Amino acid sequence: MVTNERKLELTKKFGGADNNSGSSEVQVAILTERINDLIPHFEKNKHDYSGKRGLMKLIGRRRRLLRYLNGKDTAKYQALIKALGLRK
């Protein structure tokens, strides 16, 4: 579970301001935090198929946001995936 304090930290880091929580960079960062929090659960509970469906929906949403950001501003996209450690 991503706490409100952690969301504010991510908003400050990736959004530039405290109230810029709607930018694509902040949304991707928050989704990445949620995904990273869920991964240990699925390592323990391999047969939680309905939970895996929710995880796949989060991953798909993050993928769509990253695709949008890559088309809009490639430099921001590259900086974001490097900061979050998503790809090589």
PDB file of N, CA and C in Angstrom:
ATOM      1  N   MET A   1       0.840  -1.179   0.000  1.00  0.00           N
ATOM      2  CA  MET A   1       0.000   0.000   0.000  1.00  0.00           C
ATOM      3  C   MET A   1       0.885   1.242   0.000  1.00  0.00           C
ATOM      4  N   VAL A   2       0.642   2.104  -0.938  1.00  0.00           N
ATOM      5  CA  VAL A   2       1.401   3.342  -1.040  1.00  0.00           C
ATOM      6  C   VAL A   2       0.715   4.374  -0.152  1.00  0.00           C
ATOM      7  N   THR A   3       1.464   4.905   0.804  1.00  0.00           N
ATOM      8  CA  THR A   3       0.893   5.861   1.741  1.00  0.00           C
ATOM      9  C   THR A   3       0.799   7.244   1.108  1.00  0.00           C
ATOM     10  N   ASN A   4       0.015   8.100   1.734  1.00  0.00           N
ATOM     11  CA  ASN A   4      -0.128   9.464   1.230  1.00  0.00           C
ATOM     12  C   ASN A   4       1.188  10.224   1.287  1.00  0.00           C
ATOM     13  N   GLU A   5       1.995   9.954   2.305  1.00  0.00           N
ATOM     14  CA  GLU A   5       3.289  10.622   2.411  1.00  0.00           C
ATOM     15  C   GLU A   5       4.198  10.230   1.248  1.00  0.00           C
ATOM     16  N   ARG A   6       4.173   8.945   0.905  1.00  0.00           N
ATOM     17  CA  ARG A   6       4.993   8.467  -0.212  1.00  0.00           C
ATOM     18  C   ARG A   6       4.503   9.060  -1.535  1.00  0.00           C
ATOM     19  N   LYS A   7       3.171   9.192  -1.675  1.00  0.00           N
ATOM     20  CA  LYS A   7       2.627   9.809  -2.881  1.00  0.00           C
ATOM     21  C   LYS A   7       3.067  11.265  -2.991  1.00  0.00           C
ATOM     22  N   LEU A   8       3.084  11.971  -1.855  1.00  0.00           N
ATOM     23  CA  LEU A   8       3.541  13.363  -1.875  1.00  0.00           C
ATOM     24  C   LEU A   8       5.015  13.457  -2.255  1.00  0.00           C
ATOM     25  N   GLU A   9       5.832  12.521  -1.747  1.00  0.00           N
ATOM     26  CA  GLU A   9       7.250  12.496  -2.111  1.00  0.00           C
ATOM     27  C   GLU A   9       7.418  12.282  -3.611  1.00  0.00           C
ATOM     28  N   LEU A  10       6.678  11.330  -4.161  1.00  0.00           N
ATOM     29  CA  LEU A  10       6.762  11.053  -5.591  1.00  0.00           C
ATOM     30  C   LEU A  10       6.262  12.236  -6.411  1.00  0.00           C
ATOM     31  N   THR A  11       5.221  12.903  -5.917  1.00  0.00           N
ATOM     32  CA  THR A  11       4.697  14.070  -6.615  1.00  0.00           C
ATOM     33  C   THR A  11       5.722  15.191  -6.646  1.00  0.00           C
ATOM     34  N   LYS A  12       6.402  15.403  -5.525  1.00  0.00           N
ATOM     35  CA  LYS A  12       7.435  16.448  -5.485  1.00  0.00           C
ATOM     36  C   LYS A  12       8.601  16.099  -6.394  1.00  0.00           C
ATOM     37  N   LYS A  13       8.980  14.826  -6.384  1.00  0.00           N
ATOM     38  CA  LYS A  13      10.160  14.418  -7.154  1.00  0.00           C
ATOM     39  C   LYS A  13       9.902  14.432  -8.658  1.00  0.00           C
ATOM     40  N   PHE A  14       8.774  13.897  -9.090  1.00  0.00           N
ATOM     41  CA  PHE A  14       8.527  13.742 -10.522  1.00  0.00           C
ATOM     42  C   PHE A  14       7.600  14.811 -11.097  1.00  0.00           C
ATOM     43  N   GLY A  15       6.801  15.470 -10.251  1.00  0.00           N
ATOM     44  CA  GLY A  15       5.855  16.451 -10.753  1.00  0.00           C
ATOM     45  C   GLY A  15       6.363  17.869 -10.680  1.00  0.00           C
ATOM     46  N   GLY A  16       7.367  18.094  -9.848  1.00  0.00           N
ATOM     47  CA  GLY A  16       7.919  19.427  -9.720  1.00  0.00           C
ATOM     48  C   GLY A  16       7.247  20.247  -8.636  1.00  0.00           C
ATOM     49  N   ALA A  17       5.969  20.071  -8.403  1.00  0.00           N
ATOM     50  CA  ALA A  17       5.239  20.813  -7.384  1.00  0.00           C
ATOM     51  C   ALA A  17       4.404  19.843  -6.550  1.00  0.00           C
ATOM     52  N   ASP A  18       3.939  20.328  -5.404  1.00  0.00           N
ATOM     53  CA  ASP A  18       3.155  19.464  -4.516  1.00  0.00           C
ATOM     54  C   ASP A  18       1.801  19.084  -5.101  1.00  0.00           C
ATOM     55  N   ASN A  19       1.224  19.978  -5.893  1.00  0.00           N
ATOM     56  CA  ASN A  19      -0.126  19.739  -6.378  1.00  0.00           C
ATOM     57  C   ASN A  19      -0.168  19.234  -7.816  1.00  0.00           C
ATOM     58  N   ASN A  20       0.947  18.838  -8.389  1.00  0.00           N
ATOM     59  CA  ASN A  20       0.999  18.369  -9.767  1.00  0.00           C
ATOM     60  C   ASN A  20       0.939  16.845  -9.805  1.00  0.00           C
ATOM     61  N   SER A  21      -0.123  16.297  -9.241  1.00  0.00           N
ATOM     62  CA  SER A  21      -0.230  14.837  -9.152  1.00  0.00           C
ATOM     63  C   SER A  21      -0.820  14.212 -10.405  1.00  0.00           C
ATOM     64  N   GLY A  22      -1.281  15.008 -11.346  1.00  0.00           N
ATOM     65  CA  GLY A  22      -1.916  14.468 -12.535  1.00  0.00           C
ATOM     66  C   GLY A  22      -0.987  14.271 -13.705  1.00  0.00           C
ATOM     67  N   SER A  23       0.268  14.687 -13.587  1.00  0.00           N
ATOM     68  CA  SER A  23       1.177  14.539 -14.720  1.00  0.00           C
ATOM     69  C   SER A  23       1.492  13.067 -14.955  1.00  0.00           C
ATOM     70  N   SER A  24       1.825  12.757 -16.166  1.00  0.00           N
ATOM     71  CA  SER A  24       2.089  11.363 -16.537  1.00  0.00           C
ATOM     72  C   SER A  24       3.247  10.784 -15.744  1.00  0.00           C
ATOM     73  N   GLU A  25       4.279  11.593 -15.507  1.00  0.00           N
ATOM     74  CA  GLU A  25       5.441  11.103 -14.772  1.00  0.00           C
ATOM     75  C   GLU A  25       5.067  10.678 -13.362  1.00  0.00           C
ATOM     76  N   VAL A  26       4.241  11.477 -12.689  1.00  0.00           N
ATOM     77  CA  VAL A  26       3.830  11.157 -11.319  1.00  0.00           C
ATOM     78  C   VAL A  26       2.941   9.920 -11.316  1.00  0.00           C
ATOM     79  N   GLN A  27       2.034   9.827 -12.270  1.00  0.00           N
ATOM     80  CA  GLN A  27       1.155   8.665 -12.322  1.00  0.00           C
ATOM     81  C   GLN A  27       1.941   7.384 -12.548  1.00  0.00           C
ATOM     82  N   VAL A  28       2.950   7.431 -13.415  1.00  0.00           N
ATOM     83  CA  VAL A  28       3.781   6.248 -13.662  1.00  0.00           C
ATOM     84  C   VAL A  28       4.564   5.890 -12.401  1.00  0.00           C
ATOM     85  N   ALA A  29       5.076   6.887 -11.700  1.00  0.00           N
ATOM     86  CA  ALA A  29       5.844   6.621 -10.480  1.00  0.00           C
ATOM     87  C   ALA A  29       4.972   5.982  -9.406  1.00  0.00           C
ATOM     88  N   ILE A  30       3.749   6.475  -9.245  1.00  0.00           N
ATOM     89  CA  ILE A  30       2.848   5.913  -8.238  1.00  0.00           C
ATOM     90  C   ILE A  30       2.438   4.490  -8.626  1.00  0.00           C
ATOM     91  N   LEU A  31       2.150   4.270  -9.897  1.00  0.00           N
ATOM     92  CA  LEU A  31       1.810   2.912 -10.343  1.00  0.00           C
ATOM     93  C   LEU A  31       2.976   1.958 -10.138  1.00  0.00           C
ATOM     94  N   THR A  32       4.189   2.434 -10.389  1.00  0.00           N
ATOM     95  CA  THR A  32       5.372   1.592 -10.189  1.00  0.00           C
ATOM     96  C   THR A  32       5.524   1.215  -8.722  1.00  0.00           C
ATOM     97  N   GLU A  33       5.260   2.157  -7.821  1.00  0.00           N
ATOM     98  CA  GLU A  33       5.306   1.855  -6.385  1.00  0.00           C
ATOM     99  C   GLU A  33       4.274   0.784  -6.028  1.00  0.00           C
ATOM    100  N   ARG A  34       3.058   0.939  -6.546  1.00  0.00           N
ATOM    101  CA  ARG A  34       2.012  -0.048  -6.256  1.00  0.00           C
ATOM    102  C   ARG A  34       2.388  -1.416  -6.793  1.00  0.00           C
ATOM    103  N   ILE A  35       2.933  -1.470  -8.000  1.00  0.00           N
ATOM    104  CA  ILE A  35       3.321  -2.736  -8.610  1.00  0.00           C
ATOM    105  C   ILE A  35       4.439  -3.388  -7.803  1.00  0.00           C
ATOM    106  N   ASN A  36       5.427  -2.588  -7.400  1.00  0.00           N
ATOM    107  CA  ASN A  36       6.543  -3.131  -6.625  1.00  0.00           C
ATOM    108  C   ASN A  36       6.092  -3.629  -5.254  1.00  0.00           C
ATOM    109  N   ASP A  37       5.049  -3.022  -4.683  1.00  0.00           N
ATOM    110  CA  ASP A  37       4.523  -3.500  -3.407  1.00  0.00           C
ATOM    111  C   ASP A  37       3.767  -4.818  -3.562  1.00  0.00           C
ATOM    112  N   LEU A  38       3.164  -5.036  -4.729  1.00  0.00           N
ATOM    113  CA  LEU A  38       2.367  -6.246  -4.934  1.00  0.00           C
ATOM    114  C   LEU A  38       3.195  -7.462  -5.336  1.00  0.00           C
ATOM    115  N   ILE A  39       4.354  -7.265  -5.909  1.00  0.00           N
ATOM    116  CA  ILE A  39       5.147  -8.383  -6.426  1.00  0.00           C
ATOM    117  C   ILE A  39       5.503  -9.415  -5.344  1.00  0.00           C
ATOM    118  N   PRO A  40       5.933  -9.009  -4.129  1.00  0.00           N
ATOM    119  CA  PRO A  40       6.222 -10.048  -3.117  1.00  0.00           C
ATOM    120  C   PRO A  40       5.004 -10.886  -2.743  1.00  0.00           C
ATOM    121  N   HIS A  41       3.808 -10.297  -2.785  1.00  0.00           N
ATOM    122  CA  HIS A  41       2.598 -11.062  -2.486  1.00  0.00           C
ATOM    123  C   HIS A  41       2.422 -12.199  -3.485  1.00  0.00           C
ATOM    124  N   PHE A  42       2.685 -11.907  -4.758  1.00  0.00           N
ATOM    125  CA  PHE A  42       2.469 -12.929  -5.780  1.00  0.00           C
ATOM    126  C   PHE A  42       3.603 -13.952  -5.824  1.00  0.00           C
ATOM    127  N   GLU A  43       4.745 -13.619  -5.265  1.00  0.00           N
ATOM    128  CA  GLU A  43       5.795 -14.624  -5.146  1.00  0.00           C
ATOM    129  C   GLU A  43       5.414 -15.671  -4.103  1.00  0.00           C
ATOM    130  N   LYS A  44       4.700 -15.247  -3.065  1.00  0.00           N
ATOM    131  CA  LYS A  44       4.255 -16.177  -2.030  1.00  0.00           C
ATOM    132  C   LYS A  44       2.987 -16.913  -2.439  1.00  0.00           C
ATOM    133  N   ASN A  45       2.063 -16.205  -3.078  1.00  0.00           N
ATOM    134  CA  ASN A  45       0.745 -16.750  -3.407  1.00  0.00           C
ATOM    135  C   ASN A  45       0.631 -16.923  -4.910  1.00  0.00           C
ATOM    136  N   LYS A  46       1.151 -18.013  -5.402  1.00  0.00           N
ATOM    137  CA  LYS A  46       1.217 -18.242  -6.842  1.00  0.00           C
ATOM    138  C   LYS A  46      -0.153 -18.481  -7.462  1.00  0.00           C
ATOM    139  N   HIS A  47      -1.128 -18.905  -6.665  1.00  0.00           N
ATOM    140  CA  HIS A  47      -2.438 -19.245  -7.224  1.00  0.00           C
ATOM    141  C   HIS A  47      -3.477 -18.149  -7.012  1.00  0.00           C
ATOM    142  N   ASP A  48      -3.055 -16.947  -6.713  1.00  0.00           N
ATOM    143  CA  ASP A  48      -3.970 -15.811  -6.563  1.00  0.00           C
ATOM    144  C   ASP A  48      -4.226 -15.217  -7.949  1.00  0.00           C
ATOM    145  N   TYR A  49      -5.067 -15.878  -8.702  1.00  0.00           N
ATOM    146  CA  TYR A  49      -5.273 -15.499 -10.098  1.00  0.00           C
ATOM    147  C   TYR A  49      -6.063 -14.211 -10.240  1.00  0.00           C
ATOM    148  N   SER A  50      -7.040 -13.988  -9.376  1.00  0.00           N
ATOM    149  CA  SER A  50      -7.818 -12.755  -9.479  1.00  0.00           C
ATOM    150  C   SER A  50      -6.963 -11.552  -9.088  1.00  0.00           C
ATOM    151  N   GLY A  51      -6.068 -11.738  -8.154  1.00  0.00           N
ATOM    152  CA  GLY A  51      -5.144 -10.663  -7.797  1.00  0.00           C
ATOM    153  C   GLY A  51      -4.162 -10.385  -8.915  1.00  0.00           C
ATOM    154  N   LYS A  52      -3.729 -11.437  -9.606  1.00  0.00           N
ATOM    155  CA  LYS A  52      -2.821 -11.246 -10.737  1.00  0.00           C
ATOM    156  C   LYS A  52      -3.483 -10.464 -11.855  1.00  0.00           C
ATOM    157  N   ARG A  53      -4.798 -10.646 -12.003  1.00  0.00           N
ATOM    158  CA  ARG A  53      -5.513  -9.883 -13.018  1.00  0.00           C
ATOM    159  C   ARG A  53      -5.434  -8.392 -12.703  1.00  0.00           C
ATOM    160  N   GLY A  54      -5.607  -8.038 -11.445  1.00  0.00           N
ATOM    161  CA  GLY A  54      -5.487  -6.640 -11.038  1.00  0.00           C
ATOM    162  C   GLY A  54      -4.083  -6.106 -11.265  1.00  0.00           C
ATOM    163  N   LEU A  55      -3.078  -6.936 -10.987  1.00  0.00           N
ATOM    164  CA  LEU A  55      -1.693  -6.536 -11.230  1.00  0.00           C
ATOM    165  C   LEU A  55      -1.455  -6.302 -12.716  1.00  0.00           C
ATOM    166  N   MET A  56      -1.991  -7.176 -13.554  1.00  0.00           N
ATOM    167  CA  MET A  56      -1.820  -7.004 -15.002  1.00  0.00           C
ATOM    168  C   MET A  56      -2.511  -5.737 -15.497  1.00  0.00           C
ATOM    169  N   LYS A  57      -3.641  -5.372 -14.882  1.00  0.00           N
ATOM    170  CA  LYS A  57      -4.318  -4.132 -15.251  1.00  0.00           C
ATOM    171  C   LYS A  57      -3.461  -2.917 -14.878  1.00  0.00           C
ATOM    172  N   LEU A  58      -2.809  -2.971 -13.718  1.00  0.00           N
ATOM    173  CA  LEU A  58      -1.908  -1.879 -13.317  1.00  0.00           C
ATOM    174  C   LEU A  58      -0.732  -1.772 -14.276  1.00  0.00           C
ATOM    175  N   ILE A  59      -0.171  -2.910 -14.649  1.00  0.00           N
ATOM    176  CA  ILE A  59       0.964  -2.911 -15.574  1.00  0.00           C
ATOM    177  C   ILE A  59       0.544  -2.365 -16.933  1.00  0.00           C
ATOM    178  N   GLY A  60      -0.652  -2.720 -17.383  1.00  0.00           N
ATOM    179  CA  GLY A  60      -1.148  -2.206 -18.657  1.00  0.00           C
ATOM    180  C   GLY A  60      -1.373  -0.708 -18.623  1.00  0.00           C
ATOM    181  N   ARG A  61      -1.901  -0.213 -17.508  1.00  0.00           N
ATOM    182  CA  ARG A  61      -2.110   1.225 -17.378  1.00  0.00           C
ATOM    183  C   ARG A  61      -0.779   1.970 -17.406  1.00  0.00           C
ATOM    184  N   ARG A  62       0.218   1.407 -16.696  1.00  0.00           N
ATOM    185  CA  ARG A  62       1.547   2.027 -16.695  1.00  0.00           C
ATOM    186  C   ARG A  62       2.149   1.998 -18.091  1.00  0.00           C
ATOM    187  N   ARG A  63       1.966   0.904 -18.811  1.00  0.00           N
ATOM    188  CA  ARG A  63       2.498   0.784 -20.169  1.00  0.00           C
ATOM    189  C   ARG A  63       1.879   1.826 -21.094  1.00  0.00           C
ATOM    190  N   ARG A  64       0.558   2.020 -20.971  1.00  0.00           N
ATOM    191  CA  ARG A  64      -0.110   3.026 -21.803  1.00  0.00           C
ATOM    192  C   ARG A  64       0.374   4.432 -21.485  1.00  0.00           C
ATOM    193  N   LEU A  65       0.562   4.734 -20.205  1.00  0.00           N
ATOM    194  CA  LEU A  65       1.065   6.057 -19.832  1.00  0.00           C
ATOM    195  C   LEU A  65       2.490   6.264 -20.350  1.00  0.00           C
ATOM    196  N   LEU A  66       3.309   5.224 -20.271  1.00  0.00           N
ATOM    197  CA  LEU A  66       4.683   5.340 -20.774  1.00  0.00           C
ATOM    198  C   LEU A  66       4.696   5.516 -22.292  1.00  0.00           C
ATOM    199  N   ARG A  67       3.808   4.838 -22.989  1.00  0.00           N
ATOM    200  CA  ARG A  67       3.733   4.998 -24.437  1.00  0.00           C
ATOM    201  C   ARG A  67       3.314   6.421 -24.800  1.00  0.00           C
ATOM    202  N   TYR A  68       2.355   6.968 -24.062  1.00  0.00           N
ATOM    203  CA  TYR A  68       1.929   8.342 -24.285  1.00  0.00           C
ATOM    204  C   TYR A  68       3.078   9.309 -24.041  1.00  0.00           C
ATOM    205  N   LEU A  69       3.788   9.110 -22.939  1.00  0.00           N
ATOM    206  CA  LEU A  69       4.893  10.000 -22.587  1.00  0.00           C
ATOM    207  C   LEU A  69       6.015   9.902 -23.606  1.00  0.00           C
ATOM    208  N   ASN A  70       6.285   8.724 -24.117  1.00  0.00           N
ATOM    209  CA  ASN A  70       7.332   8.547 -25.125  1.00  0.00           C
ATOM    210  C   ASN A  70       6.975   9.294 -26.408  1.00  0.00           C
ATOM    211  N   GLY A  71       5.715   9.284 -26.783  1.00  0.00           N
ATOM    212  CA  GLY A  71       5.305   9.996 -27.975  1.00  0.00           C
ATOM    213  C   GLY A  71       5.291  11.500 -27.790  1.00  0.00           C
ATOM    214  N   LYS A  72       5.024  11.943 -26.571  1.00  0.00           N
ATOM    215  CA  LYS A  72       4.910  13.372 -26.291  1.00  0.00           C
ATOM    216  C   LYS A  72       6.276  14.018 -26.073  1.00  0.00           C
ATOM    217  N   ASP A  73       7.116  13.390 -25.229  1.00  0.00           N
ATOM    218  CA  ASP A  73       8.425  13.965 -24.900  1.00  0.00           C
ATOM    219  C   ASP A  73       9.391  12.821 -24.577  1.00  0.00           C
ATOM    220  N   THR A  74      10.220  12.484 -25.534  1.00  0.00           N
ATOM    221  CA  THR A  74      11.118  11.336 -25.386  1.00  0.00           C
ATOM    222  C   THR A  74      12.166  11.552 -24.310  1.00  0.00           C
ATOM    223  N   ALA A  75      12.623  12.784 -24.141  1.00  0.00           N
ATOM    224  CA  ALA A  75      13.639  13.062 -23.119  1.00  0.00           C
ATOM    225  C   ALA A  75      13.085  12.809 -21.718  1.00  0.00           C
ATOM    226  N   LYS A  76      11.848  13.242 -21.460  1.00  0.00           N
ATOM    227  CA  LYS A  76      11.220  12.983 -20.157  1.00  0.00           C
ATOM    228  C   LYS A  76      11.011  11.486 -19.954  1.00  0.00           C
ATOM    229  N   TYR A  77      10.639  10.797 -21.021  1.00  0.00           N
ATOM    230  CA  TYR A  77      10.440   9.349 -20.960  1.00  0.00           C
ATOM    231  C   TYR A  77      11.735   8.641 -20.563  1.00  0.00           C
ATOM    232  N   GLN A  78      12.828   8.997 -21.229  1.00  0.00           N
ATOM    233  CA  GLN A  78      14.115   8.377 -20.931  1.00  0.00           C
ATOM    234  C   GLN A  78      14.546   8.658 -19.492  1.00  0.00           C
ATOM    235  N   ALA A  79      14.352   9.908 -19.037  1.00  0.00           N
ATOM    236  CA  ALA A  79      14.722  10.265 -17.665  1.00  0.00           C
ATOM    237  C   ALA A  79      13.879   9.501 -16.649  1.00  0.00           C
ATOM    238  N   LEU A  80      12.603   9.330 -16.951  1.00  0.00           N
ATOM    239  CA  LEU A  80      11.702   8.647 -16.024  1.00  0.00           C
ATOM    240  C   LEU A  80      12.045   7.169 -15.899  1.00  0.00           C
ATOM    241  N   ILE A  81      12.250   6.476 -17.017  1.00  0.00           N
ATOM    242  CA  ILE A  81      12.541   5.053 -16.906  1.00  0.00           C
ATOM    243  C   ILE A  81      13.906   4.821 -16.273  1.00  0.00           C
ATOM    244  N   LYS A  82      14.819   5.770 -16.440  1.00  0.00           N
ATOM    245  CA  LYS A  82      16.124   5.643 -15.784  1.00  0.00           C
ATOM    246  C   LYS A  82      15.970   5.863 -14.276  1.00  0.00           C
ATOM    247  N   ALA A  83      15.163   6.848 -13.874  1.00  0.00           N
ATOM    248  CA  ALA A  83      14.980   7.131 -12.453  1.00  0.00           C
ATOM    249  C   ALA A  83      14.231   6.006 -11.740  1.00  0.00           C
ATOM    250  N   LEU A  84      13.285   5.390 -12.428  1.00  0.00           N
ATOM    251  CA  LEU A  84      12.502   4.312 -11.810  1.00  0.00           C
ATOM    252  C   LEU A  84      13.142   2.939 -12.008  1.00  0.00           C
ATOM    253  N   GLY A  85      14.110   2.842 -12.904  1.00  0.00           N
ATOM    254  CA  GLY A  85      14.779   1.566 -13.131  1.00  0.00           C
ATOM    255  C   GLY A  85      13.886   0.558 -13.846  1.00  0.00           C
ATOM    256  N   LEU A  86      13.097   1.023 -14.802  1.00  0.00           N
ATOM    257  CA  LEU A  86      12.156   0.122 -15.459  1.00  0.00           C
ATOM    258  C   LEU A  86      12.792  -0.695 -16.571  1.00  0.00           C
ATOM    259  N   ARG A  87      13.603  -0.053 -17.394  1.00  0.00           N
ATOM    260  CA  ARG A  87      14.225  -0.759 -18.506  1.00  0.00           C
ATOM    261  C   ARG A  87      15.706  -0.473 -18.534  1.00  0.00           C
ATOM    262  N   LYS A  88      16.405  -1.207 -19.377  1.00  0.00           N
ATOM    263  CA  LYS A  88      17.853  -1.010 -19.461  1.00  0.00           C
ATOM    264  C   LYS A  88      18.196   0.067 -20.455  1.00  0.00           C
TER     265      LYS A  88
END
